[in-house]
Amino acid sequence: MMNLICKQNCKVCFAEPVCAMDAIIVQEKAVYVETDKCIGCGTCRFACIEWSLDKALKEKTTDWLKGMA
């Protein structure tokens, strides 16, 4: 299952390169988390909140990232 993280308003997705599990997927100007791969470490969330334009993951929990919420 894939959850939509954001519509990628940033020039570069900061969450994708920091994901150790390759669970972040950028396609068609949107960013998704593949919940089957996500381990809920929160690294993508930290990168998004610190460096992104729209802070898309600020209100999301690690349970949401893993598809459990």
C-alpha atoms as a PDB file:
ATOM      1  CA  MET A   1       0.000   0.000   0.000  1.00  0.00           C
ATOM      2  CA  MET A   2       1.173   3.518  -0.707  1.00  0.00           C
ATOM      3  CA  ASN A   3       0.266   6.646   1.259  1.00  0.00           C
ATOM      4  CA  LEU A   4       0.466  10.036  -0.427  1.00  0.00           C
ATOM      5  CA  ILE A   5       2.889  12.218   1.507  1.00  0.00           C
ATOM      6  CA  CYS A   6       2.657  15.386  -0.570  1.00  0.00           C
ATOM      7  CA  LYS A   7       2.191  16.876  -4.018  1.00  0.00           C
ATOM      8  CA  GLN A   8       5.902  17.807  -4.018  1.00  0.00           C
ATOM      9  CA  ASN A   9       5.985  21.561  -3.867  1.00  0.00           C
ATOM     10  CA  CYS A  10       9.748  21.370  -3.276  1.00  0.00           C
ATOM     11  CA  LYS A  11      12.221  21.299  -6.144  1.00  0.00           C
ATOM     12  CA  VAL A  12      13.817  18.245  -4.528  1.00  0.00           C
ATOM     13  CA  CYS A  13      12.215  15.721  -2.201  1.00  0.00           C
ATOM     14  CA  PHE A  14      14.287  15.712   0.974  1.00  0.00           C
ATOM     15  CA  ALA A  15      12.599  12.585   2.357  1.00  0.00           C
ATOM     16  CA  GLU A  16      13.510  10.244  -0.520  1.00  0.00           C
ATOM     17  CA  PRO A  17      17.327  10.182  -0.273  1.00  0.00           C
ATOM     18  CA  VAL A  18      17.369   9.673   3.517  1.00  0.00           C
ATOM     19  CA  CYS A  19      15.101   6.616   3.552  1.00  0.00           C
ATOM     20  CA  ALA A  20      17.210   3.559   4.392  1.00  0.00           C
ATOM     21  CA  MET A  21      14.458   1.205   3.234  1.00  0.00           C
ATOM     22  CA  ASP A  22      13.797   2.909  -0.132  1.00  0.00           C
ATOM     23  CA  ALA A  23      10.172   3.274   0.927  1.00  0.00           C
ATOM     24  CA  ILE A  24       9.800   6.838  -0.395  1.00  0.00           C
ATOM     25  CA  ILE A  25       8.708   6.992  -4.024  1.00  0.00           C
ATOM     26  CA  VAL A  26       8.571  10.145  -6.140  1.00  0.00           C
ATOM     27  CA  GLN A  27       6.392   9.882  -9.219  1.00  0.00           C
ATOM     28  CA  GLU A  28       4.269  12.232 -11.291  1.00  0.00           C
ATOM     29  CA  LYS A  29       5.001  15.264  -9.077  1.00  0.00           C
ATOM     30  CA  ALA A  30       3.858  13.482  -5.911  1.00  0.00           C
ATOM     31  CA  VAL A  31       5.669  11.738  -3.061  1.00  0.00           C
ATOM     32  CA  TYR A  32       4.456   8.463  -1.563  1.00  0.00           C
ATOM     33  CA  VAL A  33       5.549   6.145   1.230  1.00  0.00           C
ATOM     34  CA  GLU A  34       5.354   2.439   0.475  1.00  0.00           C
ATOM     35  CA  THR A  35       3.928   1.191   3.756  1.00  0.00           C
ATOM     36  CA  ASP A  36       5.078  -2.422   3.252  1.00  0.00           C
ATOM     37  CA  LYS A  37       8.712  -1.273   3.241  1.00  0.00           C
ATOM     38  CA  CYS A  38       8.506   1.470   5.878  1.00  0.00           C
ATOM     39  CA  ILE A  39       9.907   0.597   9.321  1.00  0.00           C
ATOM     40  CA  GLY A  40       8.709   3.840  10.929  1.00  0.00           C
ATOM     41  CA  CYS A  41      12.149   5.207  11.798  1.00  0.00           C
ATOM     42  CA  GLY A  42      10.977   8.792  11.141  1.00  0.00           C
ATOM     43  CA  THR A  43      14.077   9.895   9.220  1.00  0.00           C
ATOM     44  CA  CYS A  44      11.960  11.012   6.256  1.00  0.00           C
ATOM     45  CA  ARG A  45       9.680  12.946   8.591  1.00  0.00           C
ATOM     46  CA  PHE A  46      12.643  14.754  10.163  1.00  0.00           C
ATOM     47  CA  ALA A  47      14.106  15.652   6.741  1.00  0.00           C
ATOM     48  CA  CYS A  48      10.759  16.927   5.480  1.00  0.00           C
ATOM     49  CA  ILE A  49      10.049  19.025   8.559  1.00  0.00           C
ATOM     50  CA  GLU A  50      13.555  20.520   8.682  1.00  0.00           C
ATOM     51  CA  TRP A  51      14.257  21.236   5.015  1.00  0.00           C
ATOM     52  CA  SER A  52      11.120  21.066   2.882  1.00  0.00           C
ATOM     53  CA  LEU A  53       9.003  23.907   1.583  1.00  0.00           C
ATOM     54  CA  ASP A  54       5.609  22.684   2.774  1.00  0.00           C
ATOM     55  CA  LYS A  55       6.434  20.506   5.840  1.00  0.00           C
ATOM     56  CA  ALA A  56       4.069  17.777   4.557  1.00  0.00           C
ATOM     57  CA  LEU A  57       5.009  15.203   7.211  1.00  0.00           C
ATOM     58  CA  LYS A  58       4.786  17.527  10.220  1.00  0.00           C
ATOM     59  CA  GLU A  59       1.377  16.242  11.334  1.00  0.00           C
ATOM     60  CA  LYS A  60       1.929  12.602  10.275  1.00  0.00           C
ATOM     61  CA  THR A  61       2.863   9.950  12.834  1.00  0.00           C
ATOM     62  CA  THR A  62       5.203   7.003  12.353  1.00  0.00           C
ATOM     63  CA  ASP A  63       2.128   4.739  12.571  1.00  0.00           C
ATOM     64  CA  TRP A  64       0.667   6.642   9.612  1.00  0.00           C
ATOM     65  CA  LEU A  65       3.925   6.194   7.696  1.00  0.00           C
ATOM     66  CA  LYS A  66       3.738   2.432   8.264  1.00  0.00           C
ATOM     67  CA  GLY A  67       0.088   2.364   7.187  1.00  0.00           C
ATOM     68  CA  MET A  68      -1.210   1.539  10.648  1.00  0.00           C
ATOM     69  CA  ALA A  69      -3.225   4.666  11.300  1.00  0.00           C
END
